[in-house]
Protein backbone atom coordinates (compact mmCIF):
# COMPACT_ATOMS: atom_id res chain seq x y z
CA MET A 1 -5.57 0.13 -15.68
CA GLN A 2 -7.72 -0.21 -12.75
CA LYS A 3 -9.55 2.48 -10.90
CA TYR A 4 -8.83 3.05 -7.02
CA VAL A 5 -10.16 5.20 -4.38
CA THR A 6 -8.63 6.19 -1.11
CA LEU A 7 -9.56 4.90 2.22
CA LYS A 8 -10.84 7.67 4.47
CA GLU A 9 -12.84 6.24 7.28
CA ASN A 10 -11.08 5.03 10.38
CA THR A 11 -13.41 1.77 10.33
CA ASP A 12 -12.09 0.97 6.93
CA PHE A 13 -8.45 1.04 8.13
CA THR A 14 -9.21 -1.03 11.24
CA ARG A 15 -11.31 -3.51 9.37
CA THR A 16 -8.36 -4.04 7.01
CA TYR A 17 -5.77 -4.32 9.90
CA TYR A 18 -7.68 -6.87 11.85
CA ARG A 19 -9.56 -9.01 9.29
CA GLY A 20 -6.98 -8.84 6.43
CA LYS A 21 -3.71 -10.40 5.68
CA SER A 22 -0.41 -8.71 6.15
CA ILE A 23 3.17 -9.07 4.90
CA ALA A 24 6.14 -7.14 6.12
CA ASN A 25 9.22 -5.85 4.22
CA PRO A 26 12.14 -3.55 5.25
CA ALA A 27 10.56 -0.86 2.93
CA LEU A 28 6.94 -1.19 3.90
CA VAL A 29 4.16 -3.19 5.42
CA VAL A 30 1.07 -4.36 3.37
CA TYR A 31 -2.36 -5.10 4.55
CA SER A 32 -4.88 -6.56 2.13
CA ARG A 33 -8.50 -7.54 2.34
CA LYS A 34 -11.04 -8.40 -0.17
CA ASN A 35 -13.86 -5.85 -0.66
CA GLY A 36 -17.39 -5.86 -2.19
CA ALA A 37 -16.92 -2.60 -4.22
CA GLY A 38 -16.16 -2.84 -7.94
CA PHE A 39 -12.58 -1.29 -7.54
CA CYS A 40 -9.49 -1.31 -5.22
CA ARG A 41 -9.37 1.17 -2.29
CA VAL A 42 -5.99 2.32 -0.86
CA GLY A 43 -4.87 3.84 2.38
CA ILE A 44 -1.40 5.02 3.21
CA THR A 45 -0.07 5.39 6.88
CA THR A 46 2.88 6.92 8.14
CA SER A 47 3.78 7.39 11.76
CA LYS A 48 5.83 9.96 13.58
CA LYS A 49 8.57 7.29 14.00
CA ILE A 50 9.40 7.96 10.24
CA GLY A 51 10.31 11.67 10.90
CA ASN A 52 9.08 15.11 10.42
CA ALA A 53 6.34 16.15 8.18
CA VAL A 54 8.54 16.37 5.21
CA GLU A 55 9.88 12.95 5.43
CA ARG A 56 6.44 11.49 6.25
CA ASN A 57 4.97 13.32 3.01
CA ARG A 58 7.88 12.02 0.99
CA SER A 59 7.17 8.53 2.10
CA ARG A 60 3.46 8.82 1.11
CA ARG A 61 4.46 10.23 -2.14
CA VAL A 62 6.86 7.43 -2.98
CA ILE A 63 4.49 4.77 -1.90
CA ARG A 64 1.69 6.41 -3.93
CA ALA A 65 3.88 6.49 -7.14
CA ALA A 66 4.79 3.01 -6.64
CA TYR A 67 1.14 1.88 -6.40
CA GLN A 68 0.14 3.74 -9.57
CA SER A 69 3.05 2.05 -11.48
CA VAL A 70 1.81 -1.35 -10.26
CA LEU A 71 -1.71 -0.42 -11.50
CA LYS A 72 -0.41 0.69 -14.84
CA LYS A 73 1.13 -2.79 -15.26
CA ASP A 74 -2.36 -4.22 -14.65
CA LEU A 75 -1.11 -6.84 -12.17
CA ILE A 76 -3.78 -6.65 -9.49
CA LYS A 77 -6.77 -9.12 -10.02
CA GLY A 78 -9.96 -8.60 -8.09
CA ASN A 79 -11.09 -5.86 -5.70
CA TRP A 80 -9.09 -5.28 -2.61
CA ASP A 81 -8.66 -2.93 0.43
CA PHE A 82 -4.91 -2.10 0.79
CA VAL A 83 -3.24 -0.20 3.63
CA PHE A 84 0.45 0.54 3.08
CA VAL A 85 2.41 1.42 6.00
CA ALA A 86 5.62 3.28 5.68
CA ARG A 87 8.56 2.01 7.55
CA GLY A 88 11.74 3.96 8.54
CA LYS A 89 13.81 2.88 5.51
CA THR A 90 10.97 4.13 2.99
CA LYS A 91 11.98 7.78 3.13
CA TYR A 92 15.48 6.90 1.71
CA LEU A 93 14.23 4.75 -1.20
CA LYS A 94 13.15 5.67 -4.76
CA SER A 95 9.68 4.67 -5.99
CA THR A 96 11.10 1.89 -8.12
CA ALA A 97 12.62 0.20 -5.06
CA VAL A 98 9.42 0.52 -3.28
CA GLU A 99 7.64 -0.80 -6.28
CA LYS A 100 9.68 -3.95 -6.28
CA ALA A 101 9.08 -4.32 -2.54
CA MET A 102 5.41 -3.86 -2.95
CA ILE A 103 5.08 -6.39 -5.98
CA SER A 104 6.96 -9.01 -3.79
CA CYS A 105 4.57 -8.42 -1.04
CA LEU A 106 1.46 -8.52 -3.20
CA GLU A 107 2.72 -11.78 -4.77
CA GLU A 108 3.07 -13.34 -1.32
CA LEU A 109 -0.47 -12.36 -0.40
CA GLY A 110 -1.73 -13.81 -3.65
CA VAL A 111 -3.18 -10.53 -4.87
CA ILE A 112 -1.10 -10.41 -8.19
CA LYS A 113 -2.07 -12.28 -11.24
């Protein structure tokens, strides 16, 4: 299993938004960009369009669980910065459904082995 660190700086988020590739799905939007670090870095964004704080936190938890299960499967090759953006449908889905959507997005981006 690969190690990952969370993105914390606004500059890292904006760099990933503008210089990276993106793919959208009804469940989430994935932005990816190669990084020079020896590990993957992840940021999760939820806007107020998603709902109140409880719904936004649930969306983040579901995305985090889906990403951890993708990491356990050891599918990601290389070192990447990811930003996962929750959409309105995310709060209603289970982590397995979000995981399937995440895998399909990552395959289209060419991140998965």
